[in-house]
Structures are given as structure tokens and as C-alpha cells.
Amino acid sequence: ADRVAGAVFGLLSLVTAVMVAAGMLATPL
């Protein structure tokens, strides 16, 4: 369970960071 929690946090952080950057660039659209 702890391994799953750590992996989900890491993957979620990476995906979220990419989406935030993309969203800020694509804001006018």
C-alpha cells in the first residue's frame, strides 16, 4: 500500500506539472 501511495504521488505530480505548464501556454485558446 505504501509503494502504491508513493508511485501514485510521483506520477500524479509529474502529470500535473506538465498539464499546468501546458494550460498556462494555451490559456488564450
mmCIF file of all heavy atoms, coordinates in Angstrom:
data_MODEL
# 
_entry.id   MODEL 
# 
loop_
_atom_site.group_PDB 
_atom_site.id 
_atom_site.type_symbol 
_atom_site.label_atom_id 
_atom_site.label_alt_id 
_atom_site.label_comp_id 
_atom_site.label_asym_id 
_atom_site.label_entity_id 
_atom_site.label_seq_id 
_atom_site.pdbx_PDB_ins_code 
_atom_site.Cartn_x 
_atom_site.Cartn_y 
_atom_site.Cartn_z 
_atom_site.occupancy 
_atom_site.B_iso_or_equiv 
_atom_site.pdbx_formal_charge 
_atom_site.auth_seq_id 
_atom_site.auth_comp_id 
_atom_site.auth_asym_id 
_atom_site.auth_atom_id 
_atom_site.pdbx_PDB_model_num 
ATOM 1   N N   . ALA A 1 1  ? 0.832  -1.205 0.000   1.00 0.00 ? 1  ALA A N   1 
ATOM 2   C CA  . ALA A 1 1  ? 0.000  0.000  0.000   1.00 0.00 ? 1  ALA A CA  1 
ATOM 3   C C   . ALA A 1 1  ? 0.866  1.254  0.000   1.00 0.00 ? 1  ALA A C   1 
ATOM 4   O O   . ALA A 1 1  ? 0.586  2.226  -0.710  1.00 0.00 ? 1  ALA A O   1 
ATOM 5   C CB  . ALA A 1 1  ? -0.925 -0.007 1.214   1.00 0.00 ? 1  ALA A CB  1 
ATOM 6   N N   . ASP A 1 2  ? 1.958  1.248  0.793   1.00 0.00 ? 2  ASP A N   1 
ATOM 7   C CA  . ASP A 1 2  ? 2.857  2.400  0.817   1.00 0.00 ? 2  ASP A CA  1 
ATOM 8   C C   . ASP A 1 2  ? 3.540  2.602  -0.530  1.00 0.00 ? 2  ASP A C   1 
ATOM 9   O O   . ASP A 1 2  ? 3.728  3.738  -0.990  1.00 0.00 ? 2  ASP A O   1 
ATOM 10  C CB  . ASP A 1 2  ? 3.917  2.214  1.911   1.00 0.00 ? 2  ASP A CB  1 
ATOM 11  C CG  . ASP A 1 2  ? 3.341  2.348  3.311   1.00 0.00 ? 2  ASP A CG  1 
ATOM 12  O OD1 . ASP A 1 2  ? 2.221  2.887  3.439   1.00 0.00 ? 2  ASP A OD1 1 
ATOM 13  O OD2 . ASP A 1 2  ? 4.014  1.925  4.275   1.00 0.00 ? 2  ASP A OD2 1 
ATOM 14  N N   . ARG A 1 3  ? 3.940  1.485  -1.180  1.00 0.00 ? 3  ARG A N   1 
ATOM 15  C CA  . ARG A 1 3  ? 4.560  1.612  -2.502  1.00 0.00 ? 3  ARG A CA  1 
ATOM 16  C C   . ARG A 1 3  ? 3.585  2.219  -3.508  1.00 0.00 ? 3  ARG A C   1 
ATOM 17  O O   . ARG A 1 3  ? 3.958  3.055  -4.336  1.00 0.00 ? 3  ARG A O   1 
ATOM 18  C CB  . ARG A 1 3  ? 5.043  0.239  -2.990  1.00 0.00 ? 3  ARG A CB  1 
ATOM 19  C CG  . ARG A 1 3  ? 6.363  -0.210 -2.392  1.00 0.00 ? 3  ARG A CG  1 
ATOM 20  C CD  . ARG A 1 3  ? 6.948  -1.388 -3.159  1.00 0.00 ? 3  ARG A CD  1 
ATOM 21  N NE  . ARG A 1 3  ? 6.181  -2.595 -2.947  1.00 0.00 ? 3  ARG A NE  1 
ATOM 22  C CZ  . ARG A 1 3  ? 6.416  -3.462 -1.965  1.00 0.00 ? 3  ARG A CZ  1 
ATOM 23  N NH1 . ARG A 1 3  ? 7.411  -3.246 -1.121  1.00 0.00 ? 3  ARG A NH1 1 
ATOM 24  N NH2 . ARG A 1 3  ? 5.683  -4.549 -1.827  1.00 0.00 ? 3  ARG A NH2 1 
ATOM 25  N N   . VAL A 1 4  ? 2.343  1.788  -3.443  1.00 0.00 ? 4  VAL A N   1 
ATOM 26  C CA  . VAL A 1 4  ? 1.327  2.333  -4.345  1.00 0.00 ? 4  VAL A CA  1 
ATOM 27  C C   . VAL A 1 4  ? 1.131  3.824  -4.090  1.00 0.00 ? 4  VAL A C   1 
ATOM 28  O O   . VAL A 1 4  ? 1.054  4.632  -5.027  1.00 0.00 ? 4  VAL A O   1 
ATOM 29  C CB  . VAL A 1 4  ? -0.007 1.572  -4.177  1.00 0.00 ? 4  VAL A CB  1 
ATOM 30  C CG1 . VAL A 1 4  ? -1.124 2.276  -4.929  1.00 0.00 ? 4  VAL A CG1 1 
ATOM 31  C CG2 . VAL A 1 4  ? 0.129  0.143  -4.668  1.00 0.00 ? 4  VAL A CG2 1 
ATOM 32  N N   . ALA A 1 5  ? 1.062  4.218  -2.812  1.00 0.00 ? 5  ALA A N   1 
ATOM 33  C CA  . ALA A 1 5  ? 0.867  5.634  -2.475  1.00 0.00 ? 5  ALA A CA  1 
ATOM 34  C C   . ALA A 1 5  ? 2.015  6.481  -3.008  1.00 0.00 ? 5  ALA A C   1 
ATOM 35  O O   . ALA A 1 5  ? 1.797  7.572  -3.567  1.00 0.00 ? 5  ALA A O   1 
ATOM 36  C CB  . ALA A 1 5  ? 0.744  5.792  -0.966  1.00 0.00 ? 5  ALA A CB  1 
ATOM 37  N N   . GLY A 1 6  ? 3.257  6.000  -2.869  1.00 0.00 ? 6  GLY A N   1 
ATOM 38  C CA  . GLY A 1 6  ? 4.403  6.756  -3.363  1.00 0.00 ? 6  GLY A CA  1 
ATOM 39  C C   . GLY A 1 6  ? 4.423  6.865  -4.875  1.00 0.00 ? 6  GLY A C   1 
ATOM 40  O O   . GLY A 1 6  ? 4.735  7.928  -5.430  1.00 0.00 ? 6  GLY A O   1 
ATOM 41  N N   . ALA A 1 7  ? 4.096  5.770  -5.550  1.00 0.00 ? 7  ALA A N   1 
ATOM 42  C CA  . ALA A 1 7  ? 4.096  5.797  -7.012  1.00 0.00 ? 7  ALA A CA  1 
ATOM 43  C C   . ALA A 1 7  ? 2.996  6.697  -7.559  1.00 0.00 ? 7  ALA A C   1 
ATOM 44  O O   . ALA A 1 7  ? 3.217  7.459  -8.513  1.00 0.00 ? 7  ALA A O   1 
ATOM 45  C CB  . ALA A 1 7  ? 3.934  4.376  -7.555  1.00 0.00 ? 7  ALA A CB  1 
ATOM 46  N N   . VAL A 1 8  ? 1.823  6.629  -6.960  1.00 0.00 ? 8  VAL A N   1 
ATOM 47  C CA  . VAL A 1 8  ? 0.720  7.477  -7.422  1.00 0.00 ? 8  VAL A CA  1 
ATOM 48  C C   . VAL A 1 8  ? 1.068  8.946  -7.196  1.00 0.00 ? 8  VAL A C   1 
ATOM 49  O O   . VAL A 1 8  ? 0.802  9.802  -8.065  1.00 0.00 ? 8  VAL A O   1 
ATOM 50  C CB  . VAL A 1 8  ? -0.587 7.092  -6.701  1.00 0.00 ? 8  VAL A CB  1 
ATOM 51  C CG1 . VAL A 1 8  ? -1.676 8.134  -6.971  1.00 0.00 ? 8  VAL A CG1 1 
ATOM 52  C CG2 . VAL A 1 8  ? -1.058 5.718  -7.154  1.00 0.00 ? 8  VAL A CG2 1 
ATOM 53  N N   . PHE A 1 9  ? 1.676  9.269  -6.047  1.00 0.00 ? 9  PHE A N   1 
ATOM 54  C CA  . PHE A 1 9  ? 2.065  10.665 -5.798  1.00 0.00 ? 9  PHE A CA  1 
ATOM 55  C C   . PHE A 1 9  ? 3.072  11.138 -6.841  1.00 0.00 ? 9  PHE A C   1 
ATOM 56  O O   . PHE A 1 9  ? 2.943  12.244 -7.385  1.00 0.00 ? 9  PHE A O   1 
ATOM 57  C CB  . PHE A 1 9  ? 2.664  10.796 -4.397  1.00 0.00 ? 9  PHE A CB  1 
ATOM 58  C CG  . PHE A 1 9  ? 3.059  12.204 -4.055  1.00 0.00 ? 9  PHE A CG  1 
ATOM 59  C CD1 . PHE A 1 9  ? 2.144  13.086 -3.492  1.00 0.00 ? 9  PHE A CD1 1 
ATOM 60  C CD2 . PHE A 1 9  ? 4.348  12.669 -4.297  1.00 0.00 ? 9  PHE A CD2 1 
ATOM 61  C CE1 . PHE A 1 9  ? 2.496  14.395 -3.185  1.00 0.00 ? 9  PHE A CE1 1 
ATOM 62  C CE2 . PHE A 1 9  ? 4.724  13.975 -4.001  1.00 0.00 ? 9  PHE A CE2 1 
ATOM 63  C CZ  . PHE A 1 9  ? 3.788  14.835 -3.436  1.00 0.00 ? 9  PHE A CZ  1 
ATOM 64  N N   . GLY A 1 10 ? 4.094  10.320 -7.131  1.00 0.00 ? 10 GLY A N   1 
ATOM 65  C CA  . GLY A 1 10 ? 5.106  10.730 -8.091  1.00 0.00 ? 10 GLY A CA  1 
ATOM 66  C C   . GLY A 1 10 ? 4.534  10.922 -9.487  1.00 0.00 ? 10 GLY A C   1 
ATOM 67  O O   . GLY A 1 10 ? 4.805  11.937 -10.156 1.00 0.00 ? 10 GLY A O   1 
ATOM 68  N N   . LEU A 1 11 ? 3.746  9.960  -9.933  1.00 0.00 ? 11 LEU A N   1 
ATOM 69  C CA  . LEU A 1 11 ? 3.161  10.053 -11.269 1.00 0.00 ? 11 LEU A CA  1 
ATOM 70  C C   . LEU A 1 11 ? 2.182  11.214 -11.370 1.00 0.00 ? 11 LEU A C   1 
ATOM 71  O O   . LEU A 1 11 ? 2.144  11.945 -12.370 1.00 0.00 ? 11 LEU A O   1 
ATOM 72  C CB  . LEU A 1 11 ? 2.460  8.735  -11.617 1.00 0.00 ? 11 LEU A CB  1 
ATOM 73  C CG  . LEU A 1 11 ? 3.382  7.523  -11.777 1.00 0.00 ? 11 LEU A CG  1 
ATOM 74  C CD1 . LEU A 1 11 ? 2.563  6.235  -11.812 1.00 0.00 ? 11 LEU A CD1 1 
ATOM 75  C CD2 . LEU A 1 11 ? 4.227  7.647  -13.049 1.00 0.00 ? 11 LEU A CD2 1 
ATOM 76  N N   . LEU A 1 12 ? 1.387  11.410 -10.312 1.00 0.00 ? 12 LEU A N   1 
ATOM 77  C CA  . LEU A 1 12 ? 0.408  12.492 -10.308 1.00 0.00 ? 12 LEU A CA  1 
ATOM 78  C C   . LEU A 1 12 ? 1.104  13.850 -10.334 1.00 0.00 ? 12 LEU A C   1 
ATOM 79  O O   . LEU A 1 12 ? 0.665  14.776 -11.042 1.00 0.00 ? 12 LEU A O   1 
ATOM 80  C CB  . LEU A 1 12 ? -0.465 12.370 -9.050  1.00 0.00 ? 12 LEU A CB  1 
ATOM 81  C CG  . LEU A 1 12 ? -1.825 13.057 -9.041  1.00 0.00 ? 12 LEU A CG  1 
ATOM 82  C CD1 . LEU A 1 12 ? -2.713 12.518 -10.153 1.00 0.00 ? 12 LEU A CD1 1 
ATOM 83  C CD2 . LEU A 1 12 ? -2.500 12.839 -7.686  1.00 0.00 ? 12 LEU A CD2 1 
ATOM 84  N N   . SER A 1 13 ? 2.206  13.979 -9.593  1.00 0.00 ? 13 SER A N   1 
ATOM 85  C CA  . SER A 1 13 ? 2.948  15.242 -9.572  1.00 0.00 ? 13 SER A CA  1 
ATOM 86  C C   . SER A 1 13 ? 3.515  15.560 -10.945 1.00 0.00 ? 13 SER A C   1 
ATOM 87  O O   . SER A 1 13 ? 3.453  16.708 -11.413 1.00 0.00 ? 13 SER A O   1 
ATOM 88  C CB  . SER A 1 13 ? 4.080  15.166 -8.539  1.00 0.00 ? 13 SER A CB  1 
ATOM 89  O OG  . SER A 1 13 ? 3.576  14.960 -7.242  1.00 0.00 ? 13 SER A OG  1 
ATOM 90  N N   . LEU A 1 14 ? 4.063  14.540 -11.610 1.00 0.00 ? 14 LEU A N   1 
ATOM 91  C CA  . LEU A 1 14 ? 4.647  14.762 -12.938 1.00 0.00 ? 14 LEU A CA  1 
ATOM 92  C C   . LEU A 1 14 ? 3.575  15.183 -13.940 1.00 0.00 ? 14 LEU A C   1 
ATOM 93  O O   . LEU A 1 14 ? 3.740  16.181 -14.672 1.00 0.00 ? 14 LEU A O   1 
ATOM 94  C CB  . LEU A 1 14 ? 5.337  13.488 -13.408 1.00 0.00 ? 14 LEU A CB  1 
ATOM 95  C CG  . LEU A 1 14 ? 5.908  13.524 -14.842 1.00 0.00 ? 14 LEU A CG  1 
ATOM 96  C CD1 . LEU A 1 14 ? 6.988  14.590 -14.948 1.00 0.00 ? 14 LEU A CD1 1 
ATOM 97  C CD2 . LEU A 1 14 ? 6.464  12.155 -15.235 1.00 0.00 ? 14 LEU A CD2 1 
ATOM 98  N N   . VAL A 1 15 ? 2.484  14.443 -13.990 1.00 0.00 ? 15 VAL A N   1 
ATOM 99  C CA  . VAL A 1 15 ? 1.423  14.746 -14.950 1.00 0.00 ? 15 VAL A CA  1 
ATOM 100 C C   . VAL A 1 15 ? 0.826  16.124 -14.677 1.00 0.00 ? 15 VAL A C   1 
ATOM 101 O O   . VAL A 1 15 ? 0.570  16.912 -15.603 1.00 0.00 ? 15 VAL A O   1 
ATOM 102 C CB  . VAL A 1 15 ? 0.329  13.662 -14.906 1.00 0.00 ? 15 VAL A CB  1 
ATOM 103 C CG1 . VAL A 1 15 ? -0.864 14.070 -15.769 1.00 0.00 ? 15 VAL A CG1 1 
ATOM 104 C CG2 . VAL A 1 15 ? 0.883  12.339 -15.390 1.00 0.00 ? 15 VAL A CG2 1 
ATOM 105 N N   . THR A 1 16 ? 0.627  16.437 -13.402 1.00 0.00 ? 16 THR A N   1 
ATOM 106 C CA  . THR A 1 16 ? 0.035  17.724 -13.051 1.00 0.00 ? 16 THR A CA  1 
ATOM 107 C C   . THR A 1 16 ? 0.945  18.877 -13.455 1.00 0.00 ? 16 THR A C   1 
ATOM 108 O O   . THR A 1 16 ? 0.483  19.902 -13.978 1.00 0.00 ? 16 THR A O   1 
ATOM 109 C CB  . THR A 1 16 ? -0.252 17.784 -11.534 1.00 0.00 ? 16 THR A CB  1 
ATOM 110 O OG1 . THR A 1 16 ? -1.153 16.731 -11.190 1.00 0.00 ? 16 THR A OG1 1 
ATOM 111 C CG2 . THR A 1 16 ? -0.862 19.112 -11.151 1.00 0.00 ? 16 THR A CG2 1 
ATOM 112 N N   . ALA A 1 17 ? 2.248  18.744 -13.218 1.00 0.00 ? 17 ALA A N   1 
ATOM 113 C CA  . ALA A 1 17 ? 3.186  19.806 -13.584 1.00 0.00 ? 17 ALA A CA  1 
ATOM 114 C C   . ALA A 1 17 ? 3.157  20.070 -15.088 1.00 0.00 ? 17 ALA A C   1 
ATOM 115 O O   . ALA A 1 17 ? 3.160  21.226 -15.542 1.00 0.00 ? 17 ALA A O   1 
ATOM 116 C CB  . ALA A 1 17 ? 4.597  19.434 -13.134 1.00 0.00 ? 17 ALA A CB  1 
ATOM 117 N N   . VAL A 1 18 ? 3.134  18.982 -15.870 1.00 0.00 ? 18 VAL A N   1 
ATOM 118 C CA  . VAL A 1 18 ? 3.077  19.134 -17.334 1.00 0.00 ? 18 VAL A CA  1 
ATOM 119 C C   . VAL A 1 18 ? 1.782  19.814 -17.752 1.00 0.00 ? 18 VAL A C   1 
ATOM 120 O O   . VAL A 1 18 ? 1.776  20.722 -18.607 1.00 0.00 ? 18 VAL A O   1 
ATOM 121 C CB  . VAL A 1 18 ? 3.219  17.759 -18.015 1.00 0.00 ? 18 VAL A CB  1 
ATOM 122 C CG1 . VAL A 1 18 ? 2.964  17.874 -19.508 1.00 0.00 ? 18 VAL A CG1 1 
ATOM 123 C CG2 . VAL A 1 18 ? 4.604  17.179 -17.758 1.00 0.00 ? 18 VAL A CG2 1 
ATOM 124 N N   . MET A 1 19 ? 0.659  19.414 -17.133 1.00 0.00 ? 19 MET A N   1 
ATOM 125 C CA  . MET A 1 19 ? -0.632 19.994 -17.502 1.00 0.00 ? 19 MET A CA  1 
ATOM 126 C C   . MET A 1 19 ? -0.727 21.466 -17.110 1.00 0.00 ? 19 MET A C   1 
ATOM 127 O O   . MET A 1 19 ? -1.320 22.272 -17.830 1.00 0.00 ? 19 MET A O   1 
ATOM 128 C CB  . MET A 1 19 ? -1.752 19.204 -16.829 1.00 0.00 ? 19 MET A CB  1 
ATOM 129 C CG  . MET A 1 19 ? -1.893 17.775 -17.326 1.00 0.00 ? 19 MET A CG  1 
ATOM 130 S SD  . MET A 1 19 ? -2.436 17.675 -19.044 1.00 0.00 ? 19 MET A SD  1 
ATOM 131 C CE  . MET A 1 19 ? -4.142 18.162 -18.883 1.00 0.00 ? 19 MET A CE  1 
ATOM 132 N N   . VAL A 1 20 ? -0.148 21.830 -15.962 1.00 0.00 ? 20 VAL A N   1 
ATOM 133 C CA  . VAL A 1 20 ? -0.157 23.239 -15.551 1.00 0.00 ? 20 VAL A CA  1 
ATOM 134 C C   . VAL A 1 20 ? 0.606  24.083 -16.561 1.00 0.00 ? 20 VAL A C   1 
ATOM 135 O O   . VAL A 1 20 ? 0.137  25.149 -17.003 1.00 0.00 ? 20 VAL A O   1 
ATOM 136 C CB  . VAL A 1 20 ? 0.450  23.397 -14.145 1.00 0.00 ? 20 VAL A CB  1 
ATOM 137 C CG1 . VAL A 1 20 ? 0.757  24.866 -13.847 1.00 0.00 ? 20 VAL A CG1 1 
ATOM 138 C CG2 . VAL A 1 20 ? -0.513 22.859 -13.093 1.00 0.00 ? 20 VAL A CG2 1 
ATOM 139 N N   . ALA A 1 21 ? 1.803  23.615 -16.943 1.00 0.00 ? 21 ALA A N   1 
ATOM 140 C CA  . ALA A 1 21 ? 2.608  24.360 -17.918 1.00 0.00 ? 21 ALA A CA  1 
ATOM 141 C C   . ALA A 1 21 ? 1.881  24.482 -19.260 1.00 0.00 ? 21 ALA A C   1 
ATOM 142 O O   . ALA A 1 21 ? 1.830  25.568 -19.866 1.00 0.00 ? 21 ALA A O   1 
ATOM 143 C CB  . ALA A 1 21 ? 3.960  23.678 -18.100 1.00 0.00 ? 21 ALA A CB  1 
ATOM 144 N N   . ALA A 1 22 ? 1.305  23.386 -19.712 1.00 0.00 ? 22 ALA A N   1 
ATOM 145 C CA  . ALA A 1 22 ? 0.576  23.418 -20.990 1.00 0.00 ? 22 ALA A CA  1 
ATOM 146 C C   . ALA A 1 22 ? -0.632 24.335 -20.909 1.00 0.00 ? 22 ALA A C   1 
ATOM 147 O O   . ALA A 1 22 ? -0.928 25.087 -21.857 1.00 0.00 ? 22 ALA A O   1 
ATOM 148 C CB  . ALA A 1 22 ? 0.148  22.000 -21.377 1.00 0.00 ? 22 ALA A CB  1 
ATOM 149 N N   . GLY A 1 23 ? -1.334 24.291 -19.795 1.00 0.00 ? 23 GLY A N   1 
ATOM 150 C CA  . GLY A 1 23 ? -2.508 25.134 -19.633 1.00 0.00 ? 23 GLY A CA  1 
ATOM 151 C C   . GLY A 1 23 ? -2.175 26.613 -19.642 1.00 0.00 ? 23 GLY A C   1 
ATOM 152 O O   . GLY A 1 23 ? -2.909 27.421 -20.240 1.00 0.00 ? 23 GLY A O   1 
ATOM 153 N N   . MET A 1 24 ? -1.083 26.979 -19.004 1.00 0.00 ? 24 MET A N   1 
ATOM 154 C CA  . MET A 1 24 ? -0.685 28.393 -18.985 1.00 0.00 ? 24 MET A CA  1 
ATOM 155 C C   . MET A 1 24 ? -0.299 28.876 -20.376 1.00 0.00 ? 24 MET A C   1 
ATOM 156 O O   . MET A 1 24 ? -0.589 30.010 -20.758 1.00 0.00 ? 24 MET A O   1 
ATOM 157 C CB  . MET A 1 24 ? 0.456  28.596 -17.994 1.00 0.00 ? 24 MET A CB  1 
ATOM 158 C CG  . MET A 1 24 ? 0.049  28.353 -16.541 1.00 0.00 ? 24 MET A CG  1 
ATOM 159 S SD  . MET A 1 24 ? 1.411  28.526 -15.373 1.00 0.00 ? 24 MET A SD  1 
ATOM 160 C CE  . MET A 1 24 ? 1.635  30.322 -15.408 1.00 0.00 ? 24 MET A CE  1 
ATOM 161 N N   . LEU A 1 25 ? 0.352  28.001 -21.158 1.00 0.00 ? 25 LEU A N   1 
ATOM 162 C CA  . LEU A 1 25 ? 0.722  28.380 -22.521 1.00 0.00 ? 25 LEU A CA  1 
ATOM 163 C C   . LEU A 1 25 ? -0.511 28.484 -23.428 1.00 0.00 ? 25 LEU A C   1 
ATOM 164 O O   . LEU A 1 25 ? -0.581 29.354 -24.305 1.00 0.00 ? 25 LEU A O   1 
ATOM 165 C CB  . LEU A 1 25 ? 1.697  27.355 -23.100 1.00 0.00 ? 25 LEU A CB  1 
ATOM 166 C CG  . LEU A 1 25 ? 3.117  27.360 -22.518 1.00 0.00 ? 25 LEU A CG  1 
ATOM 167 C CD1 . LEU A 1 25 ? 3.920  26.182 -23.071 1.00 0.00 ? 25 LEU A CD1 1 
ATOM 168 C CD2 . LEU A 1 25 ? 3.827  28.680 -22.835 1.00 0.00 ? 25 LEU A CD2 1 
ATOM 169 N N   . ALA A 1 26 ? -1.482 27.614 -23.204 1.00 0.00 ? 26 ALA A N   1 
ATOM 170 C CA  . ALA A 1 26 ? -2.657 27.547 -24.089 1.00 0.00 ? 26 ALA A CA  1 
ATOM 171 C C   . ALA A 1 26 ? -3.834 28.352 -23.549 1.00 0.00 ? 26 ALA A C   1 
ATOM 172 O O   . ALA A 1 26 ? -4.958 28.196 -24.050 1.00 0.00 ? 26 ALA A O   1 
ATOM 173 C CB  . ALA A 1 26 ? -3.073 26.091 -24.281 1.00 0.00 ? 26 ALA A CB  1 
ATOM 174 N N   . THR A 1 27 ? -3.610 29.208 -22.557 1.00 0.00 ? 27 THR A N   1 
ATOM 175 C CA  . THR A 1 27 ? -4.717 29.933 -21.933 1.00 0.00 ? 27 THR A CA  1 
ATOM 176 C C   . THR A 1 27 ? -5.581 30.708 -22.927 1.00 0.00 ? 27 THR A C   1 
ATOM 177 O O   . THR A 1 27 ? -6.812 30.639 -22.858 1.00 0.00 ? 27 THR A O   1 
ATOM 178 C CB  . THR A 1 27 ? -4.188 30.874 -20.836 1.00 0.00 ? 27 THR A CB  1 
ATOM 179 O OG1 . THR A 1 27 ? -3.655 30.082 -19.772 1.00 0.00 ? 27 THR A OG1 1 
ATOM 180 C CG2 . THR A 1 27 ? -5.306 31.746 -20.290 1.00 0.00 ? 27 THR A CG2 1 
ATOM 181 N N   . PRO A 1 28 ? -5.009 31.476 -23.868 1.00 0.00 ? 28 PRO A N   1 
ATOM 182 C CA  . PRO A 1 28 ? -5.891 32.210 -24.807 1.00 0.00 ? 28 PRO A CA  1 
ATOM 183 C C   . PRO A 1 28 ? -6.838 31.290 -25.567 1.00 0.00 ? 28 PRO A C   1 
ATOM 184 O O   . PRO A 1 28 ? -8.020 31.611 -25.753 1.00 0.00 ? 28 PRO A O   1 
ATOM 185 C CB  . PRO A 1 28 ? -4.893 32.902 -25.747 1.00 0.00 ? 28 PRO A CB  1 
ATOM 186 C CG  . PRO A 1 28 ? -3.652 33.050 -24.928 1.00 0.00 ? 28 PRO A CG  1 
ATOM 187 C CD  . PRO A 1 28 ? -3.591 31.799 -24.096 1.00 0.00 ? 28 PRO A CD  1 
ATOM 188 N N   . LEU A 1 29 ? -6.324 30.134 -26.007 1.00 0.00 ? 29 LEU A N   1 
ATOM 189 C CA  . LEU A 1 29 ? -7.165 29.187 -26.737 1.00 0.00 ? 29 LEU A CA  1 
ATOM 190 C C   . LEU A 1 29 ? -8.265 28.641 -25.827 1.00 0.00 ? 29 LEU A C   1 
ATOM 191 O O   . LEU A 1 29 ? -9.433 28.521 -26.244 1.00 0.00 ? 29 LEU A O   1 
ATOM 192 C CB  . LEU A 1 29 ? -6.317 28.040 -27.281 1.00 0.00 ? 29 LEU A CB  1 
ATOM 193 C CG  . LEU A 1 29 ? -7.069 26.895 -27.976 1.00 0.00 ? 29 LEU A CG  1 
ATOM 194 C CD1 . LEU A 1 29 ? -7.805 27.419 -29.201 1.00 0.00 ? 29 LEU A CD1 1 
ATOM 195 C CD2 . LEU A 1 29 ? -6.102 25.785 -28.368 1.00 0.00 ? 29 LEU A CD2 1 
# 
